[in-house]
N, C-alpha and C. Protein backbone atom coordinates (compact mmCIF):
# COMPACT_ATOMS: atom_id res chain seq x y z
N UNK A 1 -37.00 56.46 27.15
CA UNK A 1 -37.12 55.06 28.26
C UNK A 1 -37.64 56.04 28.82
N UNK A 2 -38.62 54.95 29.51
CA UNK A 2 -39.22 55.85 31.09
C UNK A 2 -38.67 54.62 33.00
N UNK A 3 -38.78 54.95 33.71
CA UNK A 3 -38.60 54.72 34.50
C UNK A 3 -39.13 53.37 34.91
N UNK A 4 -40.04 53.44 34.61
CA UNK A 4 -41.50 52.24 34.95
C UNK A 4 -42.11 51.71 34.05
N UNK A 5 -41.99 50.14 34.02
CA UNK A 5 -42.64 49.31 32.94
C UNK A 5 -43.98 49.06 33.53
N UNK A 6 -44.73 48.91 32.59
CA UNK A 6 -46.10 47.98 32.64
C UNK A 6 -46.50 47.35 31.68
N UNK A 7 -46.61 45.83 31.74
CA UNK A 7 -46.19 44.78 31.58
C UNK A 7 -48.33 44.98 31.23
N UNK A 8 -48.10 44.31 29.92
CA UNK A 8 -49.54 44.26 29.78
C UNK A 8 -49.95 43.15 28.78
N UNK A 9 -51.02 42.40 29.57
CA UNK A 9 -51.46 41.38 29.44
C UNK A 9 -52.83 41.22 29.11
N UNK A 10 -53.28 40.97 27.41
CA UNK A 10 -53.74 40.75 27.17
C UNK A 10 -53.90 40.30 25.45
N UNK A 11 -55.13 39.38 24.60
CA UNK A 11 -54.61 38.64 24.04
C UNK A 11 -55.00 38.63 22.41
N UNK A 12 -55.55 40.03 22.63
CA UNK A 12 -56.65 41.59 21.84
C UNK A 12 -54.76 42.40 21.48
N UNK A 13 -54.87 41.49 20.07
CA UNK A 13 -53.49 42.97 19.06
C UNK A 13 -53.85 43.86 19.47
N UNK A 14 -54.95 44.46 19.26
CA UNK A 14 -54.95 45.64 18.38
C UNK A 14 -55.92 46.22 20.31
N UNK A 15 -56.08 45.35 20.46
CA UNK A 15 -56.50 46.74 22.19
C UNK A 15 -55.18 47.11 22.34
N UNK A 16 -53.92 45.37 22.82
CA UNK A 16 -52.86 45.77 23.41
C UNK A 16 -52.13 47.18 22.55
N UNK A 17 -51.90 46.98 21.53
CA UNK A 17 -51.83 48.41 20.81
C UNK A 17 -52.79 49.73 22.04
N UNK A 18 -53.45 49.90 22.00
CA UNK A 18 -54.19 50.99 22.30
C UNK A 18 -53.61 50.66 23.68
N UNK A 19 -53.56 49.82 25.07
CA UNK A 19 -53.82 50.22 25.89
C UNK A 19 -52.27 50.83 26.16
N UNK A 20 -51.41 50.27 25.26
CA UNK A 20 -49.34 50.38 25.13
C UNK A 20 -49.38 52.07 24.82
N UNK A 21 -50.30 52.49 24.03
CA UNK A 21 -50.46 53.86 23.44
C UNK A 21 -51.04 55.21 25.52
N UNK A 22 -51.64 54.50 25.18
CA UNK A 22 -52.34 54.99 25.89
C UNK A 22 -51.66 55.37 27.50
N UNK A 23 -50.71 53.84 27.65
CA UNK A 23 -49.84 54.28 29.25
C UNK A 23 -48.34 54.39 28.71
N UNK A 24 -48.25 54.49 27.59
CA UNK A 24 -46.51 55.29 27.53
C UNK A 24 -47.05 56.96 27.55
N UNK A 25 -48.71 57.35 27.02
CA UNK A 25 -48.58 58.37 27.25
C UNK A 25 -48.62 58.92 28.78
N UNK A 26 -48.99 58.00 29.45
CA UNK A 26 -48.50 57.73 30.99
C UNK A 26 -47.56 58.39 31.54
N UNK A 27 -46.36 57.99 30.77
CA UNK A 27 -44.78 57.93 31.41
C UNK A 27 -44.26 56.72 31.52
N UNK A 28 -45.40 55.50 31.13
CA UNK A 28 -44.62 54.06 30.81
C UNK A 28 -44.22 53.49 29.84
N UNK A 29 -42.77 52.57 30.13
CA UNK A 29 -42.71 51.57 29.17
C UNK A 29 -42.97 50.33 29.25
N UNK A 30 -43.31 49.50 28.20
CA UNK A 30 -45.06 48.80 27.85
C UNK A 30 -44.10 48.04 26.85
N UNK A 31 -44.55 46.38 27.94
CA UNK A 31 -44.63 45.12 27.41
C UNK A 31 -45.62 44.80 26.60
N UNK A 32 -45.62 43.86 25.94
CA UNK A 32 -47.38 43.34 25.36
C UNK A 32 -46.82 41.93 25.28
N UNK A 33 -48.05 41.04 26.67
CA UNK A 33 -47.62 39.49 26.30
C UNK A 33 -49.23 39.19 26.90
N UNK A 34 -48.83 38.08 25.41
CA UNK A 34 -50.56 37.80 24.57
C UNK A 34 -51.29 36.22 24.99
N UNK A 35 -50.36 35.96 25.83
CA UNK A 35 -51.37 34.15 26.54
C UNK A 35 -50.81 34.27 28.56
N UNK A 36 -51.70 33.53 28.98
CA UNK A 36 -51.38 33.78 30.37
C UNK A 36 -50.49 32.98 30.89
N UNK A 37 -49.63 31.26 30.08
CA UNK A 37 -48.66 30.37 30.51
C UNK A 37 -47.38 31.70 29.68
N UNK A 38 -47.15 32.72 29.03
CA UNK A 38 -45.65 33.62 29.18
C UNK A 38 -45.93 35.04 30.13
N UNK A 39 -47.24 35.32 30.71
CA UNK A 39 -47.23 35.87 31.24
C UNK A 39 -46.48 35.79 33.05
N UNK A 40 -46.74 34.12 33.54
CA UNK A 40 -46.46 33.45 34.88
C UNK A 40 -44.66 33.76 34.59
N UNK A 41 -45.10 33.53 32.68
CA UNK A 41 -43.25 33.29 33.13
C UNK A 41 -42.32 34.46 33.85
N UNK A 42 -43.07 35.66 32.56
CA UNK A 42 -42.28 36.79 32.93
C UNK A 42 -42.53 37.50 33.93
N UNK A 43 -43.53 37.60 35.05
CA UNK A 43 -43.87 38.32 35.78
C UNK A 43 -42.61 37.24 36.77
N UNK A 44 -41.99 36.24 36.50
CA UNK A 44 -40.67 35.83 37.29
C UNK A 44 -39.44 36.57 37.14
N UNK A 45 -39.18 36.67 35.94
CA UNK A 45 -38.42 37.73 35.17
C UNK A 45 -38.24 39.52 35.87
N UNK A 46 -39.30 39.52 35.61
CA UNK A 46 -39.67 41.01 36.26
C UNK A 46 -40.17 41.79 37.54
N UNK A 47 -39.56 43.34 37.67
CA UNK A 47 -40.67 43.48 38.35
C UNK A 47 -41.46 44.82 37.86
N UNK A 48 -42.31 44.92 36.70
CA UNK A 48 -43.08 45.63 36.34
C UNK A 48 -43.60 46.54 37.22
N UNK A 49 -44.25 48.19 37.12
CA UNK A 49 -44.86 48.74 38.15
C UNK A 49 -46.22 49.47 38.62
N UNK A 50 -46.52 49.05 37.22
CA UNK A 50 -48.04 48.48 37.15
C UNK A 50 -48.42 46.97 35.84
N UNK A 51 -49.17 46.40 36.15
CA UNK A 51 -49.48 45.82 35.63
C UNK A 51 -51.10 45.77 35.13
N UNK A 52 -51.46 45.13 33.86
CA UNK A 52 -52.85 45.24 32.87
C UNK A 52 -52.82 43.73 32.66
N UNK A 53 -54.37 43.61 33.10
CA UNK A 53 -54.38 42.23 33.36
C UNK A 53 -55.59 41.46 32.44
N UNK A 54 -55.97 41.49 31.77
CA UNK A 54 -57.62 40.91 30.64
C UNK A 54 -57.95 39.51 31.48
N UNK A 55 -58.94 38.96 32.13
CA UNK A 55 -58.84 37.94 32.49
C UNK A 55 -59.41 36.77 31.42
N UNK A 56 -59.93 36.91 30.48
CA UNK A 56 -60.05 36.21 29.00
C UNK A 56 -58.63 36.12 28.57
N UNK A 57 -57.56 34.88 28.90
CA UNK A 57 -56.51 35.11 28.31
C UNK A 57 -56.86 33.17 27.76
N UNK A 58 -56.04 33.09 26.66
CA UNK A 58 -55.92 31.14 25.87
C UNK A 58 -53.91 30.89 27.36
N UNK A 59 -54.30 30.29 27.25
CA UNK A 59 -53.57 28.86 27.99
C UNK A 59 -53.89 28.43 29.58
N UNK A 60 -54.01 30.05 30.41
CA UNK A 60 -53.98 29.46 32.09
C UNK A 60 -54.79 30.67 31.69
N UNK A 61 -56.16 30.93 32.59
CA UNK A 61 -56.74 32.15 32.94
C UNK A 61 -56.72 32.81 33.20
N UNK A 62 -56.81 34.61 34.03
CA UNK A 62 -56.56 36.16 34.03
C UNK A 62 -56.53 35.37 36.03
N UNK A 63 -57.44 35.56 35.99
CA UNK A 63 -57.42 34.40 37.07
C UNK A 63 -56.40 34.05 37.69
N UNK A 64 -56.10 33.20 36.83
CA UNK A 64 -54.46 32.75 38.36
C UNK A 64 -53.01 32.62 38.03
N UNK A 65 -53.25 33.93 36.68
CA UNK A 65 -51.70 34.84 35.89
C UNK A 65 -52.16 35.72 38.12
N UNK A 66 -53.55 36.39 37.98
CA UNK A 66 -53.60 36.83 39.36
C UNK A 66 -52.93 36.14 40.84
N UNK A 67 -53.15 34.96 40.48
CA UNK A 67 -52.92 33.97 41.95
C UNK A 67 -51.44 34.26 41.78
N UNK A 68 -50.41 33.99 41.07
CA UNK A 68 -48.42 33.45 40.50
C UNK A 68 -48.80 35.48 40.56
N UNK A 69 -49.17 36.15 40.16
CA UNK A 69 -48.97 37.30 40.95
C UNK A 69 -48.89 37.54 42.49
N UNK A 70 -50.02 37.51 42.40
CA UNK A 70 -50.12 37.83 44.00
C UNK A 70 -49.22 37.28 45.43
N UNK A 71 -48.59 35.77 44.55
CA UNK A 71 -47.89 34.45 45.46
C UNK A 71 -46.21 34.96 44.48
N UNK A 72 -45.87 36.33 44.51
CA UNK A 72 -44.55 36.53 43.91
C UNK A 72 -44.47 37.32 44.55
N UNK A 73 -43.47 37.88 45.98
CA UNK A 73 -42.99 38.54 47.19
C UNK A 73 -42.43 39.73 46.31
N UNK A 74 -41.66 39.39 45.03
CA UNK A 74 -40.92 41.04 44.25
C UNK A 74 -41.99 41.40 43.66
N UNK A 75 -43.09 41.02 43.58
CA UNK A 75 -44.56 42.07 43.13
C UNK A 75 -44.96 42.94 44.01
N UNK A 76 -44.88 43.54 45.52
CA UNK A 76 -46.03 43.05 46.34
C UNK A 76 -46.34 44.66 46.14
N UNK A 77 -45.35 45.24 45.46
CA UNK A 77 -45.44 47.19 45.07
C UNK A 77 -45.89 47.02 43.67
N UNK A 78 -46.18 45.99 42.77
CA UNK A 78 -46.69 46.75 41.43
C UNK A 78 -47.86 46.41 41.41
N UNK A 79 -48.37 47.51 40.94
CA UNK A 79 -50.21 48.26 40.91
C UNK A 79 -50.71 46.93 39.63
N UNK A 80 -51.64 46.85 40.47
CA UNK A 80 -52.90 45.87 39.34
C UNK A 80 -53.49 46.09 38.83
N UNK A 81 -54.53 46.19 37.66
CA UNK A 81 -55.14 46.74 37.01
C UNK A 81 -56.09 45.22 35.83
N UNK A 82 -57.35 45.19 36.20
CA UNK A 82 -57.88 44.52 35.73
C UNK A 82 -58.54 45.76 34.36
N UNK A 83 -58.70 44.14 32.90
CA UNK A 83 -59.63 44.91 32.21
C UNK A 83 -60.33 44.15 31.89
N UNK A 84 -61.49 43.96 31.97
CA UNK A 84 -62.45 42.67 31.38
C UNK A 84 -63.49 43.68 31.33
N UNK A 85 -65.12 42.92 30.42
CA UNK A 85 -66.01 43.47 30.26
C UNK A 85 -67.45 42.11 31.16
N UNK A 86 -66.23 41.32 32.19
CA UNK A 86 -66.70 40.96 33.24
C UNK A 86 -67.32 41.51 34.63
N UNK A 87 -68.18 41.82 34.89
CA UNK A 87 -68.02 43.07 35.73
C UNK A 87 -68.36 41.83 36.60
N UNK A 88 -69.03 40.62 37.16
CA UNK A 88 -69.28 39.94 37.65
C UNK A 88 -67.72 39.07 38.61
N UNK A 89 -67.12 38.52 37.55
CA UNK A 89 -65.64 37.88 37.71
C UNK A 89 -65.40 39.11 37.85
N UNK A 90 -64.60 40.25 38.16
CA UNK A 90 -64.31 41.50 38.47
C UNK A 90 -64.11 41.58 39.65
N UNK A 91 -65.54 41.82 40.00
CA UNK A 91 -66.10 41.92 41.05
C UNK A 91 -65.19 41.68 42.45
N UNK A 92 -65.06 40.26 42.23
CA UNK A 92 -64.79 38.79 43.29
C UNK A 92 -63.14 39.38 43.23
N UNK A 93 -62.95 39.53 42.30
CA UNK A 93 -61.51 40.22 42.35
C UNK A 93 -60.64 41.16 42.81
N UNK A 94 -62.22 41.92 42.86
CA UNK A 94 -61.76 43.83 43.49
C UNK A 94 -60.86 43.45 45.12
N UNK A 95 -60.60 42.80 45.74
CA UNK A 95 -59.74 43.05 47.05
C UNK A 95 -58.08 42.41 46.71
N UNK A 96 -57.98 41.90 45.93
CA UNK A 96 -57.02 41.42 44.90
C UNK A 96 -56.08 42.52 44.57
N UNK A 97 -56.52 44.00 43.80
CA UNK A 97 -56.19 44.48 42.53
C UNK A 97 -56.25 45.71 43.14
N UNK A 98 -55.75 46.88 42.45
CA UNK A 98 -55.53 48.17 42.84
C UNK A 98 -57.04 49.00 41.57
N UNK A 99 -56.93 48.53 40.57
CA UNK A 99 -57.83 49.45 39.97
C UNK A 99 -59.25 47.89 39.08
N UNK A 100 -60.31 48.02 38.93
CA UNK A 100 -61.36 47.22 37.96
C UNK A 100 -61.81 48.32 36.56
N UNK A 101 -61.09 47.99 36.04
CA UNK A 101 -61.74 48.86 34.23
C UNK A 101 -62.49 47.64 33.57
N UNK A 102 -63.44 48.72 33.10
CA UNK A 102 -64.84 47.48 32.95
C UNK A 102 -64.63 47.93 31.21
N UNK A 103 -64.26 46.73 30.91
CA UNK A 103 -64.11 47.31 28.95
C UNK A 103 -65.69 47.40 28.72
N UNK A 104 -65.02 48.06 27.44
CA UNK A 104 -64.90 49.09 26.79
C UNK A 104 -64.09 50.59 26.76
N UNK A 105 -62.67 50.37 27.47
CA UNK A 105 -61.75 51.10 28.43
C UNK A 105 -61.53 51.71 27.32
N UNK A 106 -61.59 53.24 27.63
CA UNK A 106 -61.54 54.19 27.09
C UNK A 106 -59.62 54.97 26.80
N UNK A 107 -59.24 54.82 26.23
CA UNK A 107 -57.51 55.29 26.35
C UNK A 107 -57.45 56.82 26.55
N UNK A 108 -58.16 57.87 27.19
CA UNK A 108 -57.87 58.87 28.04
C UNK A 108 -57.82 58.23 29.85
N UNK A 109 -58.63 56.94 30.08
CA UNK A 109 -59.37 56.59 31.15
C UNK A 109 -57.88 56.10 31.91
N UNK A 110 -57.49 55.11 30.94
CA UNK A 110 -56.17 54.56 31.58
C UNK A 110 -55.25 55.45 31.14
N UNK A 111 -55.11 56.35 30.39
CA UNK A 111 -54.76 57.11 30.66
C UNK A 111 -53.79 57.67 32.14
N UNK A 112 -55.51 58.02 31.85
CA UNK A 112 -55.89 59.42 33.09
C UNK A 112 -55.77 58.31 34.51
N UNK A 113 -56.10 57.00 34.74
CA UNK A 113 -55.94 56.21 36.22
C UNK A 113 -54.12 55.56 35.99
N UNK A 114 -53.77 55.46 34.67
CA UNK A 114 -52.50 55.15 34.48
C UNK A 114 -51.30 55.92 35.79
N UNK A 115 -51.80 57.47 35.28
CA UNK A 115 -51.02 58.76 36.32
C UNK A 115 -51.66 58.52 37.35
N UNK A 116 -52.29 58.69 37.86
CA UNK A 116 -53.18 58.57 39.42
C UNK A 116 -52.24 57.10 40.12
N UNK A 117 -51.70 55.67 39.41
CA UNK A 117 -51.20 54.86 39.78
C UNK A 117 -49.76 54.61 40.21
N UNK A 118 -49.40 55.87 39.28
CA UNK A 118 -47.00 56.02 39.00
C UNK A 118 -47.33 56.01 40.85
N UNK A 119 -46.30 55.51 40.51
CA UNK A 119 -44.77 55.29 41.83
C UNK A 119 -43.93 56.58 41.23
N UNK A 120 -43.82 57.26 42.61
CA UNK A 120 -42.98 58.44 42.33
C UNK A 120 -41.93 58.33 42.32
N UNK A 121 -40.81 58.88 41.67
CA UNK A 121 -39.09 58.65 41.41
C UNK A 121 -38.67 58.69 42.62
């Protein structure tokens, strides 16, 4: 088991599984959430090292999930990656996140970026 939790907030199950495998290769334990409402509830309960956030989510949009993350003081050190195909929306959020990954995201790209942003033990 890893010392680091990566929270994957993505509504596409196939993509989530790929993200999880990639992040696990980078040494993270992973948890997948498939909608914005559940994500906001879960971030109140845990402190992940990394959050991989899709912007197009059911129930509550990714931008609103990001606002909830940014308003949670205990998540100040959590790394936030945006995963989206919408480069214009992502660009508007650049100052609020650590990394923007444009879909399609390669398995190796995500693994390497997660390793680079991983906190020291």
